[in-house]
Amino acid sequence: MNIVCTSKLKSNIKSDLVQKYPEVSFQFYPSMSVAEEHLDEAEVLITYGEDVTENHIQKAKQLKWIMVLSAGVEMLPFKEIKERGIVVTNARGIHSIQMAEYTLWAMLITARNTKELFVNEASKTWHKRMPLNEITGATVGVIGTGAIGCEIARIAKTFNMATIGVNRKGHAVDYFDSIYSNDNVMEMLPKCDYIVSVLPSTADTFHFFTSPHFHAMKESSVFINIGRGDAVDEHALIDALNNEEIHHAVLDVFEEEPLEESHPFWKMANVTVTPHHSGVSPNYQPRAIEIFKRNFNEYINGTNDFQNVINPDRGY
């Protein structure tokens, strides 16, 4: 069996895979461009997901399973994948710890006015009476109640925060005090001091947040986006910030990445920009590979009880 990997895995991880599965031929390549000529040999493909095209699926005649070492799968050519009956799994769930920590950091830095504090520090300005706040007892609304959203809600409980979740059908989820459906999101927005988007990039979530949503939020609220950039109408968000309809936005993802130097977000005092790194962690690859190994054991045993199977029609 040939497994082609186009992700730059750490040396110790590659060695572990080779030793654990000596009967398997692992072919590790630094990129898809280098691996392309070997795709016809691949029964399994390990990838970060953004490098697979329709042409690659056509070339990989023996391909049966794609393991994506990330949560995002929106770049995959699902039409061709579905036609071939290729199974796709991803690494959903491995981001929950670091992304929940990022979200709590985002809430704390806005509550404690850290952005202005750093400016004052750089200019040696002693401004003791600047406005500061607490997050304890505040209400956080999380749109997207999967593994990441649940971990955000769990940690928020440490600060005695009220937790409101939003998912497609409004079904109950652990650590959330109440849940709304996507259709009723407008009802929960005015209740929240912090609104966190963990939405993926799909046809259903494109520009999920528009002007009416920002208008419905508290003027004191903070909007945090750690999901996907295209879930937000950026023009509507800029207008809402300029009109002081919301207090601040902490943005880790954007419609176009990297964010252009000329983009207004860079210069807005009420926006904090980070370079899509809320999911970064030294434990990222080890956690992703554990999911691969769990699924691969199912694959070679023929049981195929895979974790994190992607529905090609929904794209997640």
Protein backbone atom coordinates (compact mmCIF):
# COMPACT_ATOMS: atom_id res chain seq x y z
CA MET A 1 0.00 0.00 0.00
CA ASN A 2 1.30 3.44 -0.96
CA ILE A 3 0.59 6.53 1.13
CA VAL A 4 1.60 9.85 -0.35
CA CYS A 5 2.05 12.79 2.01
CA THR A 6 2.31 16.35 0.69
CA SER A 7 2.45 17.96 4.14
CA LYS A 8 5.77 18.92 5.72
CA LEU A 9 5.73 16.58 8.68
CA LYS A 10 8.26 16.70 11.50
CA SER A 11 11.06 14.15 11.20
CA ASN A 12 10.09 12.31 14.38
CA ILE A 13 6.51 11.94 13.16
CA LYS A 14 7.64 10.50 9.82
CA SER A 15 9.96 8.05 11.59
CA ASP A 16 7.18 6.98 13.94
CA LEU A 17 4.80 6.27 11.04
CA VAL A 18 7.40 4.22 9.16
CA GLN A 19 8.24 2.18 12.27
CA LYS A 20 4.61 1.68 13.30
CA TYR A 21 3.48 0.53 9.85
CA PRO A 22 6.46 -1.30 8.28
CA GLU A 23 4.22 -3.01 5.72
CA VAL A 24 3.22 0.35 4.24
CA SER A 25 5.18 2.44 1.74
CA PHE A 26 5.14 6.06 2.94
CA GLN A 27 6.20 8.64 0.38
CA PHE A 28 6.87 12.00 2.03
CA TYR A 29 7.14 15.07 -0.18
CA PRO A 30 7.58 18.75 0.71
CA SER A 31 4.79 19.89 -1.62
CA MET A 32 2.16 18.73 -4.08
CA SER A 33 4.25 19.95 -7.02
CA VAL A 34 6.96 17.45 -6.05
CA ALA A 35 4.50 14.67 -5.23
CA GLU A 36 2.37 15.13 -8.36
CA GLU A 37 4.14 12.55 -10.52
CA HIS A 38 3.65 9.91 -7.80
CA LEU A 39 -0.09 10.40 -7.28
CA ASP A 40 -0.97 7.48 -9.53
CA GLU A 41 0.58 5.20 -6.87
CA ALA A 42 -1.34 6.66 -3.95
CA GLU A 43 -4.10 4.72 -2.21
CA VAL A 44 -4.10 7.24 0.65
CA LEU A 45 -3.23 10.94 0.48
CA ILE A 46 -2.18 13.01 3.50
CA THR A 47 -2.49 16.74 2.87
CA TYR A 48 -3.33 20.06 4.45
CA GLY A 49 -6.14 20.26 1.89
CA GLU A 50 -5.35 23.45 0.02
CA ASP A 51 -3.11 21.82 -2.60
CA VAL A 52 -5.53 19.29 -4.13
CA THR A 53 -7.12 20.07 -7.51
CA GLU A 54 -9.49 18.31 -9.89
CA ASN A 55 -6.48 17.30 -11.97
CA HIS A 56 -4.83 15.64 -8.98
CA ILE A 57 -7.93 13.56 -8.28
CA GLN A 58 -7.97 12.46 -11.92
CA LYS A 59 -4.30 11.45 -11.76
CA ALA A 60 -4.71 9.50 -8.51
CA LYS A 61 -6.44 6.49 -10.07
CA GLN A 62 -6.03 4.29 -6.98
CA LEU A 63 -6.96 6.93 -4.39
CA LYS A 64 -9.51 5.79 -1.82
CA TRP A 65 -8.99 8.09 1.16
CA ILE A 66 -7.81 11.66 1.75
CA MET A 67 -6.68 12.61 5.24
CA VAL A 68 -6.67 16.40 5.68
CA LEU A 69 -4.41 17.53 8.52
CA SER A 70 -6.52 20.60 9.21
CA ALA A 71 -10.16 21.41 9.89
CA GLY A 72 -10.72 23.48 6.76
CA VAL A 73 -11.57 21.45 3.65
CA GLU A 74 -13.20 24.16 1.53
CA MET A 75 -10.42 24.05 -1.10
CA LEU A 76 -11.01 20.40 -2.00
CA PRO A 77 -12.66 19.53 -5.35
CA PHE A 78 -15.65 17.78 -3.80
CA LYS A 79 -17.48 17.17 -7.09
CA GLU A 80 -14.72 14.90 -8.38
CA ILE A 81 -14.15 13.37 -4.94
CA LYS A 82 -17.82 12.45 -4.61
CA GLU A 83 -17.95 10.98 -8.12
CA ARG A 84 -15.01 8.73 -7.28
CA GLY A 85 -16.41 7.76 -3.88
CA ILE A 86 -13.23 8.86 -2.12
CA VAL A 87 -13.49 9.13 1.66
CA VAL A 88 -12.34 12.42 3.18
CA THR A 89 -11.52 12.87 6.85
CA ASN A 90 -10.07 15.90 8.58
CA ALA A 91 -8.41 16.89 11.86
CA ARG A 92 -11.45 18.56 13.37
CA GLY A 93 -11.07 18.89 17.12
CA ILE A 94 -7.29 19.31 17.34
CA HIS A 95 -7.63 23.11 17.41
CA SER A 96 -9.97 23.34 20.38
CA ILE A 97 -7.40 23.98 23.12
CA GLN A 98 -5.29 26.65 21.45
CA MET A 99 -8.25 28.38 19.77
CA ALA A 100 -10.20 28.51 23.02
CA GLU A 101 -7.13 30.02 24.70
CA TYR A 102 -6.89 32.57 21.89
CA THR A 103 -10.55 33.50 22.39
CA LEU A 104 -10.11 34.04 26.12
CA TRP A 105 -6.99 36.10 25.34
CA ALA A 106 -9.05 38.19 22.90
CA MET A 107 -11.71 38.84 25.52
CA LEU A 108 -9.15 39.73 28.18
CA ILE A 109 -7.08 42.11 26.05
CA THR A 110 -10.15 44.07 25.01
CA ALA A 111 -11.54 44.16 28.54
CA ARG A 112 -8.20 45.39 29.93
CA ASN A 113 -7.62 47.77 26.99
CA THR A 114 -4.27 46.15 26.22
CA LYS A 115 -3.91 47.70 22.78
CA GLU A 116 -3.97 51.21 24.24
CA LEU A 117 -1.73 50.13 27.12
CA PHE A 118 0.97 49.05 24.66
CA VAL A 119 0.70 52.36 22.80
CA ASN A 120 1.06 54.22 26.10
CA GLU A 121 4.00 52.06 27.09
CA ALA A 122 5.80 52.77 23.81
CA SER A 123 5.25 56.51 24.23
CA LYS A 124 6.07 56.41 27.98
CA THR A 125 2.60 57.76 28.80
CA TRP A 126 1.32 57.20 32.37
CA HIS A 127 -2.46 57.10 31.89
CA LYS A 128 -3.83 55.58 35.06
CA ARG A 129 -7.49 56.48 34.51
CA MET A 130 -7.97 54.70 31.17
CA PRO A 131 -11.22 52.64 30.94
CA LEU A 132 -10.80 48.99 32.01
CA ASN A 133 -13.32 46.17 32.36
CA GLU A 134 -13.76 42.59 33.56
CA ILE A 135 -14.92 39.52 31.69
CA THR A 136 -16.18 37.75 34.82
CA GLY A 137 -19.96 37.56 34.71
CA ALA A 138 -20.16 38.71 31.09
CA THR A 139 -22.07 36.82 28.39
CA VAL A 140 -20.32 35.15 25.46
CA GLY A 141 -22.18 33.99 22.37
CA VAL A 142 -20.49 31.35 20.24
CA ILE A 143 -21.68 30.76 16.69
CA GLY A 144 -20.52 27.23 15.96
CA THR A 145 -20.81 24.76 18.84
CA GLY A 146 -18.40 22.06 17.69
CA ALA A 147 -15.26 21.01 19.56
CA ILE A 148 -13.77 24.52 19.51
CA GLY A 149 -17.00 26.23 20.55
CA CYS A 150 -17.51 23.76 23.40
CA GLU A 151 -13.99 24.34 24.71
CA ILE A 152 -14.53 28.10 24.59
CA ALA A 153 -17.73 27.70 26.61
CA ARG A 154 -16.06 25.34 29.09
CA ILE A 155 -13.19 27.74 29.81
CA ALA A 156 -15.55 30.73 29.90
CA LYS A 157 -17.33 29.03 32.80
CA THR A 158 -14.10 29.45 34.80
CA PHE A 159 -14.82 33.19 34.68
CA ASN A 160 -18.47 32.64 35.62
CA MET A 161 -19.52 33.80 32.18
CA ALA A 162 -22.95 33.07 30.77
CA THR A 163 -22.65 31.01 27.59
CA ILE A 164 -24.98 31.09 24.60
CA GLY A 165 -24.45 28.89 21.56
CA VAL A 166 -25.74 28.88 18.00
CA ASN A 167 -25.87 25.84 15.73
CA ARG A 168 -27.86 24.76 12.69
CA LYS A 169 -30.81 23.16 14.49
CA GLY A 170 -30.58 24.68 17.95
CA HIS A 171 -29.78 21.34 19.63
CA ALA A 172 -28.39 21.30 23.18
CA VAL A 173 -24.60 21.16 23.66
CA ASP A 174 -22.46 20.73 26.78
CA TYR A 175 -21.26 23.87 28.61
CA PHE A 176 -23.84 26.15 26.97
CA ASP A 177 -26.57 27.66 29.12
CA SER A 178 -28.83 28.11 26.11
CA ILE A 179 -28.78 27.35 22.40
CA TYR A 180 -30.30 29.11 19.41
CA SER A 181 -30.64 27.87 15.85
CA ASN A 182 -28.99 29.65 12.94
CA ASP A 183 -32.38 31.03 11.96
CA ASN A 184 -32.79 32.67 15.38
CA VAL A 185 -29.31 34.14 15.74
CA MET A 186 -30.67 37.70 15.68
CA GLU A 187 -32.46 37.01 18.97
CA MET A 188 -29.26 36.11 20.83
CA LEU A 189 -26.91 38.82 19.52
CA PRO A 190 -28.26 41.65 21.75
CA LYS A 191 -27.72 39.45 24.81
CA CYS A 192 -23.97 39.06 24.29
CA ASP A 193 -20.96 41.05 25.46
CA TYR A 194 -18.67 38.93 23.28
CA ILE A 195 -19.65 37.27 20.00
CA VAL A 196 -17.33 34.57 18.67
CA SER A 197 -17.61 33.16 15.15
CA VAL A 198 -16.24 29.65 14.68
CA LEU A 199 -18.06 29.16 11.38
CA PRO A 200 -16.45 27.16 8.55
CA SER A 201 -16.36 28.32 4.95
CA THR A 202 -19.36 26.87 3.12
CA ALA A 203 -22.06 28.10 0.76
CA ASP A 204 -24.43 28.37 3.75
CA THR A 205 -22.04 30.43 5.89
CA PHE A 206 -20.81 32.89 3.24
CA HIS A 207 -21.39 36.43 4.62
CA PHE A 208 -23.34 34.97 7.53
CA PHE A 209 -22.65 38.22 9.39
CA THR A 210 -24.02 41.30 7.61
CA SER A 211 -25.06 44.82 8.60
CA PRO A 212 -28.27 43.81 10.45
CA HIS A 213 -26.26 41.42 12.64
CA PHE A 214 -23.78 44.07 13.72
CA HIS A 215 -26.60 46.55 14.24
CA ALA A 216 -28.28 44.06 16.58
CA MET A 217 -25.21 43.74 18.80
CA LYS A 218 -24.57 45.85 21.88
CA GLU A 219 -22.56 49.03 21.33
CA SER A 220 -20.21 47.71 24.02
CA SER A 221 -19.82 44.28 22.42
CA VAL A 222 -16.66 42.71 21.01
CA PHE A 223 -16.79 40.60 17.84
CA ILE A 224 -14.17 37.83 17.54
CA ASN A 225 -13.67 35.82 14.35
CA ILE A 226 -11.58 32.65 14.52
CA GLY A 227 -13.57 30.61 11.98
CA ARG A 228 -13.30 31.69 8.36
CA GLY A 229 -13.03 35.19 6.96
CA ASP A 230 -15.71 34.85 4.32
CA ALA A 231 -18.36 34.27 7.00
CA VAL A 232 -18.20 38.05 7.54
CA ASP A 233 -19.15 40.86 5.18
CA GLU A 234 -16.05 42.95 5.87
CA HIS A 235 -17.55 46.14 4.46
CA ALA A 236 -20.49 45.79 6.83
CA LEU A 237 -18.13 45.18 9.76
CA ILE A 238 -16.04 48.25 8.90
CA ASP A 239 -19.19 50.38 8.74
CA ALA A 240 -20.38 49.03 12.08
CA LEU A 241 -17.02 49.82 13.70
CA ASN A 242 -16.85 53.30 12.18
CA ASN A 243 -20.42 53.99 13.32
CA GLU A 244 -19.60 52.64 16.81
CA GLU A 245 -22.36 50.04 16.58
CA ILE A 246 -19.92 47.65 18.30
CA HIS A 247 -16.93 48.41 20.51
CA HIS A 248 -14.13 46.30 19.04
CA ALA A 249 -13.31 43.45 16.68
CA VAL A 250 -10.55 40.87 17.14
CA LEU A 251 -9.94 39.23 13.77
CA ASP A 252 -7.71 36.25 13.04
CA VAL A 253 -9.21 35.38 9.63
CA PHE A 254 -10.10 37.45 6.57
CA GLU A 255 -11.79 37.19 3.19
CA GLU A 256 -8.41 37.57 1.47
CA GLU A 257 -5.23 36.35 3.14
CA PRO A 258 -2.66 37.59 3.79
CA LEU A 259 -4.40 40.85 4.66
CA GLU A 260 -3.26 43.57 2.27
CA GLU A 261 -1.16 46.38 3.74
CA SER A 262 -3.72 48.89 2.45
CA HIS A 263 -6.65 47.24 4.23
CA PRO A 264 -8.46 49.57 6.68
CA PHE A 265 -8.33 46.98 9.47
CA TRP A 266 -4.62 47.62 10.02
CA LYS A 267 -5.14 51.24 11.02
CA MET A 268 -8.38 51.02 12.98
CA ALA A 269 -7.93 51.59 16.71
CA ASN A 270 -10.97 49.43 17.47
CA VAL A 271 -9.66 46.42 15.53
CA THR A 272 -7.03 43.89 16.61
CA VAL A 273 -5.50 41.93 13.71
CA THR A 274 -3.68 38.60 14.07
CA PRO A 275 -2.30 36.58 11.11
CA HIS A 276 -4.54 33.47 11.15
CA HIS A 277 -2.60 31.91 13.98
CA SER A 278 -5.28 31.11 16.56
CA GLY A 279 -4.86 27.42 15.70
CA VAL A 280 -1.06 27.40 15.87
CA SER A 281 0.43 25.09 18.49
CA PRO A 282 3.52 22.87 18.82
CA ASN A 283 1.04 20.04 19.44
CA TYR A 284 -0.80 20.58 16.14
CA GLN A 285 0.86 17.87 14.02
CA PRO A 286 1.03 15.23 16.79
CA ARG A 287 -2.69 15.63 17.46
CA ALA A 288 -3.56 15.50 13.75
CA ILE A 289 -1.44 12.39 13.19
CA GLU A 290 -3.12 10.64 16.12
CA ILE A 291 -6.42 11.04 14.25
CA PHE A 292 -4.78 9.70 11.09
CA LYS A 293 -3.39 6.66 12.93
CA ARG A 294 -6.75 5.95 14.57
CA ASN A 295 -8.46 6.09 11.17
CA PHE A 296 -5.71 4.17 9.41
CA ASN A 297 -6.07 1.30 11.87
CA GLU A 298 -9.77 1.23 10.94
CA TYR A 299 -8.84 1.33 7.25
CA ILE A 300 -6.38 -1.56 7.30
CA ASN A 301 -8.72 -3.63 9.47
CA GLY A 302 -11.54 -3.04 7.03
CA THR A 303 -13.90 -1.70 9.70
CA ASN A 304 -13.81 1.87 8.33
CA ASP A 305 -15.36 3.40 11.45
CA PHE A 306 -13.61 6.69 10.67
CA GLN A 307 -13.43 9.75 12.87
CA ASN A 308 -14.24 13.15 11.32
CA VAL A 309 -15.73 11.97 8.01
CA ILE A 310 -16.58 14.90 5.72
CA ASN A 311 -19.92 15.08 3.94
CA PRO A 312 -19.01 16.14 0.35
CA ASP A 313 -22.43 17.73 -0.16
CA ARG A 314 -22.15 19.99 2.89
CA GLY A 315 -18.39 20.52 2.74
CA TYR A 316 -17.83 19.74 6.42
